[in-house]
């Protein structure tokens, strides 16, 4: 119920509540928060494949008209995978003896990953923070400060990149590729070092 106030001129005025004190405002806020939460969270169905991206196949056989869909658990070196507007090609994975004299972490091994990213979108894609590595012990590896590529790729262009990571042990590693600003599942590659 609005408050009534008598003015200096003798008239009676109603004082309205501010909009943020009204019930309809808070109902609207709750609906917006639930809608945003549902859009960001949630699962993408009942697929058992945890690997993101779509493998890009280069077909050299013209006579084959069948399209075969394979469920890939991990991608391999040389595969090209599309994640959102980016295409990632893992070129090589190798151990390196190169060390940074100023780094104090002293990892057991340093892996050098070379990959190519192609931008199929309409805006620049940041490069350098789009790779994560998990070692054979399933622990996330930290970026090692060697010659790592940082920058961005313009729309319609591609870039050869290098990323170095410190490992606690050698063995099979998992490499996750996903653009910095992406809600898509990362493409997961597996390699032995």
C-alpha atoms as a PDB file:
ATOM      1  CA  UNK A   1       0.000   0.000   0.000  1.00  0.00           C
ATOM      2  CA  UNK A   2       1.423   3.345  -1.063  1.00  0.00           C
ATOM      3  CA  UNK A   3       2.166   5.922   1.582  1.00  0.00           C
ATOM      4  CA  UNK A   4       0.107   9.121   1.437  1.00  0.00           C
ATOM      5  CA  UNK A   5       1.690  12.486   2.149  1.00  0.00           C
ATOM      6  CA  UNK A   6       0.016  15.861   2.340  1.00  0.00           C
ATOM      7  CA  UNK A   7       1.967  18.469   0.380  1.00  0.00           C
ATOM      8  CA  UNK A   8       2.521  22.138   1.204  1.00  0.00           C
ATOM      9  CA  UNK A   9      -0.152  23.073  -1.323  1.00  0.00           C
ATOM     10  CA  UNK A  10      -2.733  21.033   0.581  1.00  0.00           C
ATOM     11  CA  UNK A  11      -2.986  18.192  -1.925  1.00  0.00           C
ATOM     12  CA  UNK A  12      -2.518  14.500  -0.968  1.00  0.00           C
ATOM     13  CA  UNK A  13       0.256  12.672  -2.854  1.00  0.00           C
ATOM     14  CA  UNK A  14       1.102   8.944  -3.027  1.00  0.00           C
ATOM     15  CA  UNK A  15       4.771   7.961  -2.511  1.00  0.00           C
ATOM     16  CA  UNK A  16       5.668   4.949  -4.655  1.00  0.00           C
ATOM     17  CA  UNK A  17       8.134   2.248  -3.611  1.00  0.00           C
ATOM     18  CA  UNK A  18      11.399   2.094  -5.575  1.00  0.00           C
ATOM     19  CA  UNK A  19      11.344  -0.622  -8.270  1.00  0.00           C
ATOM     20  CA  UNK A  20      13.934  -2.764  -6.429  1.00  0.00           C
ATOM     21  CA  UNK A  21      11.552  -3.097  -3.466  1.00  0.00           C
ATOM     22  CA  UNK A  22       8.739  -4.517  -5.563  1.00  0.00           C
ATOM     23  CA  UNK A  23       8.019  -8.251  -5.765  1.00  0.00           C
ATOM     24  CA  UNK A  24       7.877  -8.405  -9.572  1.00  0.00           C
ATOM     25  CA  UNK A  25      11.483  -7.148  -9.788  1.00  0.00           C
ATOM     26  CA  UNK A  26      12.833  -9.970  -7.622  1.00  0.00           C
ATOM     27  CA  UNK A  27      10.774 -12.591  -9.463  1.00  0.00           C
ATOM     28  CA  UNK A  28      12.305 -11.335 -12.721  1.00  0.00           C
ATOM     29  CA  UNK A  29      15.839 -11.510 -11.221  1.00  0.00           C
ATOM     30  CA  UNK A  30      15.302 -15.127 -10.111  1.00  0.00           C
ATOM     31  CA  UNK A  31      14.047 -16.120 -13.581  1.00  0.00           C
ATOM     32  CA  UNK A  32      17.060 -14.497 -15.276  1.00  0.00           C
ATOM     33  CA  UNK A  33      19.548 -16.159 -12.904  1.00  0.00           C
ATOM     34  CA  UNK A  34      17.954 -19.596 -13.423  1.00  0.00           C
ATOM     35  CA  UNK A  35      17.966 -19.131 -17.214  1.00  0.00           C
ATOM     36  CA  UNK A  36      21.653 -18.144 -17.271  1.00  0.00           C
ATOM     37  CA  UNK A  37      22.604 -20.978 -14.923  1.00  0.00           C
ATOM     38  CA  UNK A  38      20.747 -23.507 -17.044  1.00  0.00           C
ATOM     39  CA  UNK A  39      22.406 -22.263 -20.217  1.00  0.00           C
ATOM     40  CA  UNK A  40      25.957 -22.395 -18.832  1.00  0.00           C
ATOM     41  CA  UNK A  41      25.727 -25.572 -16.794  1.00  0.00           C
ATOM     42  CA  UNK A  42      23.959 -28.746 -17.654  1.00  0.00           C
ATOM     43  CA  UNK A  43      25.000 -31.722 -19.710  1.00  0.00           C
ATOM     44  CA  UNK A  44      25.014 -32.099 -23.444  1.00  0.00           C
ATOM     45  CA  UNK A  45      23.020 -35.297 -23.520  1.00  0.00           C
ATOM     46  CA  UNK A  46      23.826 -38.896 -22.729  1.00  0.00           C
ATOM     47  CA  UNK A  47      26.871 -39.319 -24.971  1.00  0.00           C
ATOM     48  CA  UNK A  48      29.566 -41.492 -23.400  1.00  0.00           C
ATOM     49  CA  UNK A  49      32.301 -39.778 -25.404  1.00  0.00           C
ATOM     50  CA  UNK A  50      34.011 -37.253 -23.125  1.00  0.00           C
ATOM     51  CA  UNK A  51      36.218 -35.875 -25.895  1.00  0.00           C
ATOM     52  CA  UNK A  52      35.217 -32.590 -27.448  1.00  0.00           C
ATOM     53  CA  UNK A  53      35.723 -31.320 -30.955  1.00  0.00           C
ATOM     54  CA  UNK A  54      35.032 -32.799 -34.350  1.00  0.00           C
ATOM     55  CA  UNK A  55      37.757 -34.601 -36.241  1.00  0.00           C
ATOM     56  CA  UNK A  56      38.423 -33.162 -39.699  1.00  0.00           C
ATOM     57  CA  UNK A  57      38.967 -35.946 -42.210  1.00  0.00           C
ATOM     58  CA  UNK A  58      40.772 -35.354 -45.480  1.00  0.00           C
ATOM     59  CA  UNK A  59      39.254 -37.806 -47.934  1.00  0.00           C
ATOM     60  CA  UNK A  60      41.383 -38.967 -50.830  1.00  0.00           C
ATOM     61  CA  UNK A  61      39.048 -41.723 -52.019  1.00  0.00           C
ATOM     62  CA  UNK A  62      36.374 -40.437 -54.395  1.00  0.00           C
ATOM     63  CA  UNK A  63      34.534 -43.736 -54.833  1.00  0.00           C
ATOM     64  CA  UNK A  64      33.451 -44.092 -51.222  1.00  0.00           C
ATOM     65  CA  UNK A  65      29.989 -42.629 -50.683  1.00  0.00           C
ATOM     66  CA  UNK A  66      29.468 -44.010 -47.180  1.00  0.00           C
ATOM     67  CA  UNK A  67      30.051 -41.701 -44.284  1.00  0.00           C
ATOM     68  CA  UNK A  68      31.238 -43.505 -41.219  1.00  0.00           C
ATOM     69  CA  UNK A  69      31.049 -41.913 -37.773  1.00  0.00           C
ATOM     70  CA  UNK A  70      33.581 -43.152 -35.242  1.00  0.00           C
ATOM     71  CA  UNK A  71      33.528 -42.455 -31.544  1.00  0.00           C
ATOM     72  CA  UNK A  72      37.021 -41.257 -30.704  1.00  0.00           C
ATOM     73  CA  UNK A  73      38.172 -41.421 -27.113  1.00  0.00           C
ATOM     74  CA  UNK A  74      41.492 -39.659 -27.795  1.00  0.00           C
ATOM     75  CA  UNK A  75      42.941 -37.934 -30.831  1.00  0.00           C
ATOM     76  CA  UNK A  76      46.508 -38.617 -31.987  1.00  0.00           C
ATOM     77  CA  UNK A  77      49.473 -36.680 -33.342  1.00  0.00           C
ATOM     78  CA  UNK A  78      48.642 -35.443 -36.845  1.00  0.00           C
ATOM     79  CA  UNK A  79      44.872 -35.296 -36.298  1.00  0.00           C
ATOM     80  CA  UNK A  80      43.027 -32.050 -37.043  1.00  0.00           C
ATOM     81  CA  UNK A  81      40.124 -31.324 -34.703  1.00  0.00           C
ATOM     82  CA  UNK A  82      37.576 -28.507 -34.780  1.00  0.00           C
ATOM     83  CA  UNK A  83      36.605 -26.941 -31.434  1.00  0.00           C
ATOM     84  CA  UNK A  84      34.188 -24.053 -31.851  1.00  0.00           C
ATOM     85  CA  UNK A  85      35.647 -21.654 -34.419  1.00  0.00           C
ATOM     86  CA  UNK A  86      39.174 -23.066 -34.081  1.00  0.00           C
ATOM     87  CA  UNK A  87      40.860 -26.019 -35.804  1.00  0.00           C
ATOM     88  CA  UNK A  88      43.769 -27.585 -33.930  1.00  0.00           C
ATOM     89  CA  UNK A  89      46.380 -29.861 -35.518  1.00  0.00           C
ATOM     90  CA  UNK A  90      48.834 -31.514 -33.142  1.00  0.00           C
ATOM     91  CA  UNK A  91      52.123 -31.581 -35.088  1.00  0.00           C
ATOM     92  CA  UNK A  92      54.607 -33.052 -32.590  1.00  0.00           C
ATOM     93  CA  UNK A  93      55.179 -33.894 -28.934  1.00  0.00           C
ATOM     94  CA  UNK A  94      58.748 -34.371 -27.757  1.00  0.00           C
ATOM     95  CA  UNK A  95      60.922 -34.084 -24.680  1.00  0.00           C
ATOM     96  CA  UNK A  96      63.422 -31.240 -24.709  1.00  0.00           C
ATOM     97  CA  UNK A  97      66.684 -30.713 -22.841  1.00  0.00           C
ATOM     98  CA  UNK A  98      66.286 -26.944 -23.121  1.00  0.00           C
ATOM     99  CA  UNK A  99      65.927 -25.369 -19.672  1.00  0.00           C
ATOM    100  CA  UNK A 100      65.277 -21.852 -18.470  1.00  0.00           C
ATOM    101  CA  UNK A 101      68.115 -20.773 -16.175  1.00  0.00           C
ATOM    102  CA  UNK A 102      65.824 -18.472 -14.204  1.00  0.00           C
ATOM    103  CA  UNK A 103      63.095 -21.055 -13.524  1.00  0.00           C
ATOM    104  CA  UNK A 104      63.202 -22.593 -10.042  1.00  0.00           C
ATOM    105  CA  UNK A 105      60.637 -25.392 -10.496  1.00  0.00           C
ATOM    106  CA  UNK A 106      63.163 -27.945 -11.849  1.00  0.00           C
ATOM    107  CA  UNK A 107      60.691 -30.468 -13.357  1.00  0.00           C
ATOM    108  CA  UNK A 108      61.756 -34.054 -14.069  1.00  0.00           C
ATOM    109  CA  UNK A 109      61.077 -33.536 -17.793  1.00  0.00           C
ATOM    110  CA  UNK A 110      59.987 -30.746 -20.127  1.00  0.00           C
ATOM    111  CA  UNK A 111      57.701 -31.576 -23.048  1.00  0.00           C
ATOM    112  CA  UNK A 112      57.611 -29.369 -26.145  1.00  0.00           C
ATOM    113  CA  UNK A 113      54.285 -29.389 -27.998  1.00  0.00           C
ATOM    114  CA  UNK A 114      54.005 -27.930 -31.491  1.00  0.00           C
ATOM    115  CA  UNK A 115      50.585 -27.385 -32.989  1.00  0.00           C
ATOM    116  CA  UNK A 116      48.789 -25.368 -35.645  1.00  0.00           C
ATOM    117  CA  UNK A 117      45.647 -23.366 -34.965  1.00  0.00           C
ATOM    118  CA  UNK A 118      43.338 -22.137 -37.721  1.00  0.00           C
ATOM    119  CA  UNK A 119      40.699 -19.484 -37.013  1.00  0.00           C
ATOM    120  CA  UNK A 120      37.403 -20.170 -38.819  1.00  0.00           C
ATOM    121  CA  UNK A 121      35.497 -17.488 -36.884  1.00  0.00           C
ATOM    122  CA  UNK A 122      34.776 -13.780 -37.270  1.00  0.00           C
ATOM    123  CA  UNK A 123      37.020 -12.473 -34.467  1.00  0.00           C
ATOM    124  CA  UNK A 124      40.589 -12.970 -33.252  1.00  0.00           C
ATOM    125  CA  UNK A 125      41.325 -16.073 -31.161  1.00  0.00           C
ATOM    126  CA  UNK A 126      43.896 -15.696 -28.341  1.00  0.00           C
ATOM    127  CA  UNK A 127      46.757 -18.197 -28.524  1.00  0.00           C
ATOM    128  CA  UNK A 128      48.978 -19.457 -25.730  1.00  0.00           C
ATOM    129  CA  UNK A 129      46.402 -20.186 -23.056  1.00  0.00           C
ATOM    130  CA  UNK A 130      44.453 -22.677 -25.162  1.00  0.00           C
ATOM    131  CA  UNK A 131      46.472 -25.782 -24.168  1.00  0.00           C
ATOM    132  CA  UNK A 132      46.486 -27.813 -20.956  1.00  0.00           C
ATOM    133  CA  UNK A 133      48.608 -30.899 -20.277  1.00  0.00           C
ATOM    134  CA  UNK A 134      48.028 -33.686 -17.755  1.00  0.00           C
ATOM    135  CA  UNK A 135      50.988 -35.931 -16.991  1.00  0.00           C
ATOM    136  CA  UNK A 136      51.067 -39.726 -16.570  1.00  0.00           C
ATOM    137  CA  UNK A 137      50.204 -39.202 -12.889  1.00  0.00           C
ATOM    138  CA  UNK A 138      46.940 -37.405 -13.965  1.00  0.00           C
ATOM    139  CA  UNK A 139      48.174 -34.136 -12.433  1.00  0.00           C
ATOM    140  CA  UNK A 140      47.905 -30.913 -14.375  1.00  0.00           C
ATOM    141  CA  UNK A 141      51.296 -29.772 -15.637  1.00  0.00           C
ATOM    142  CA  UNK A 142      52.422 -26.183 -15.334  1.00  0.00           C
ATOM    143  CA  UNK A 143      53.556 -24.171 -18.317  1.00  0.00           C
ATOM    144  CA  UNK A 144      57.352 -24.150 -18.504  1.00  0.00           C
ATOM    145  CA  UNK A 145      58.923 -20.777 -19.393  1.00  0.00           C
ATOM    146  CA  UNK A 146      60.742 -21.661 -22.616  1.00  0.00           C
ATOM    147  CA  UNK A 147      59.898 -20.167 -26.009  1.00  0.00           C
ATOM    148  CA  UNK A 148      56.094 -20.391 -25.730  1.00  0.00           C
ATOM    149  CA  UNK A 149      53.873 -18.800 -28.362  1.00  0.00           C
ATOM    150  CA  UNK A 150      51.579 -16.008 -27.208  1.00  0.00           C
ATOM    151  CA  UNK A 151      49.395 -13.817 -29.392  1.00  0.00           C
ATOM    152  CA  UNK A 152      46.235 -14.114 -31.438  1.00  0.00           C
ATOM    153  CA  UNK A 153      45.100 -15.485 -34.787  1.00  0.00           C
ATOM    154  CA  UNK A 154      43.083 -13.251 -37.118  1.00  0.00           C
ATOM    155  CA  UNK A 155      39.886 -14.575 -38.747  1.00  0.00           C
ATOM    156  CA  UNK A 156      40.596 -16.897 -41.681  1.00  0.00           C
ATOM    157  CA  UNK A 157      44.303 -17.230 -40.778  1.00  0.00           C
ATOM    158  CA  UNK A 158      46.407 -19.896 -39.109  1.00  0.00           C
ATOM    159  CA  UNK A 159      49.442 -19.949 -36.838  1.00  0.00           C
ATOM    160  CA  UNK A 160      52.138 -22.452 -35.856  1.00  0.00           C
ATOM    161  CA  UNK A 161      52.518 -22.513 -32.078  1.00  0.00           C
ATOM    162  CA  UNK A 162      54.825 -23.963 -29.441  1.00  0.00           C
ATOM    163  CA  UNK A 163      53.974 -24.718 -25.811  1.00  0.00           C
ATOM    164  CA  UNK A 164      56.304 -26.165 -23.158  1.00  0.00           C
ATOM    165  CA  UNK A 165      55.168 -27.915 -19.989  1.00  0.00           C
ATOM    166  CA  UNK A 166      57.048 -29.309 -16.987  1.00  0.00           C
ATOM    167  CA  UNK A 167      56.276 -32.959 -16.167  1.00  0.00           C
ATOM    168  CA  UNK A 168      56.806 -34.924 -12.955  1.00  0.00           C
ATOM    169  CA  UNK A 169      57.428 -38.120 -14.942  1.00  0.00           C
ATOM    170  CA  UNK A 170      57.506 -39.384 -18.511  1.00  0.00           C
ATOM    171  CA  UNK A 171      54.858 -41.648 -20.010  1.00  0.00           C
ATOM    172  CA  UNK A 172      51.462 -41.097 -21.633  1.00  0.00           C
ATOM    173  CA  UNK A 173      50.222 -37.518 -21.418  1.00  0.00           C
ATOM    174  CA  UNK A 174      46.863 -35.989 -22.285  1.00  0.00           C
ATOM    175  CA  UNK A 175      46.774 -32.677 -24.158  1.00  0.00           C
ATOM    176  CA  UNK A 176      43.595 -30.582 -24.026  1.00  0.00           C
ATOM    177  CA  UNK A 177      42.947 -27.995 -26.759  1.00  0.00           C
ATOM    178  CA  UNK A 178      40.202 -25.406 -26.370  1.00  0.00           C
ATOM    179  CA  UNK A 179      40.048 -21.696 -27.224  1.00  0.00           C
ATOM    180  CA  UNK A 180      40.411 -19.402 -24.217  1.00  0.00           C
ATOM    181  CA  UNK A 181      36.811 -18.176 -24.479  1.00  0.00           C
ATOM    182  CA  UNK A 182      34.808 -21.273 -25.389  1.00  0.00           C
ATOM    183  CA  UNK A 183      31.943 -23.215 -23.854  1.00  0.00           C
ATOM    184  CA  UNK A 184      32.705 -26.267 -26.006  1.00  0.00           C
ATOM    185  CA  UNK A 185      34.343 -29.408 -24.636  1.00  0.00           C
ATOM    186  CA  UNK A 186      38.090 -29.483 -25.189  1.00  0.00           C
ATOM    187  CA  UNK A 187      39.611 -31.824 -27.782  1.00  0.00           C
ATOM    188  CA  UNK A 188      41.760 -34.370 -25.951  1.00  0.00           C
ATOM    189  CA  UNK A 189      44.890 -35.787 -27.580  1.00  0.00           C
ATOM    190  CA  UNK A 190      47.042 -38.560 -26.134  1.00  0.00           C
ATOM    191  CA  UNK A 191      50.784 -38.927 -26.734  1.00  0.00           C
ATOM    192  CA  UNK A 192      53.718 -40.801 -25.225  1.00  0.00           C
ATOM    193  CA  UNK A 193      56.885 -39.039 -24.144  1.00  0.00           C
END
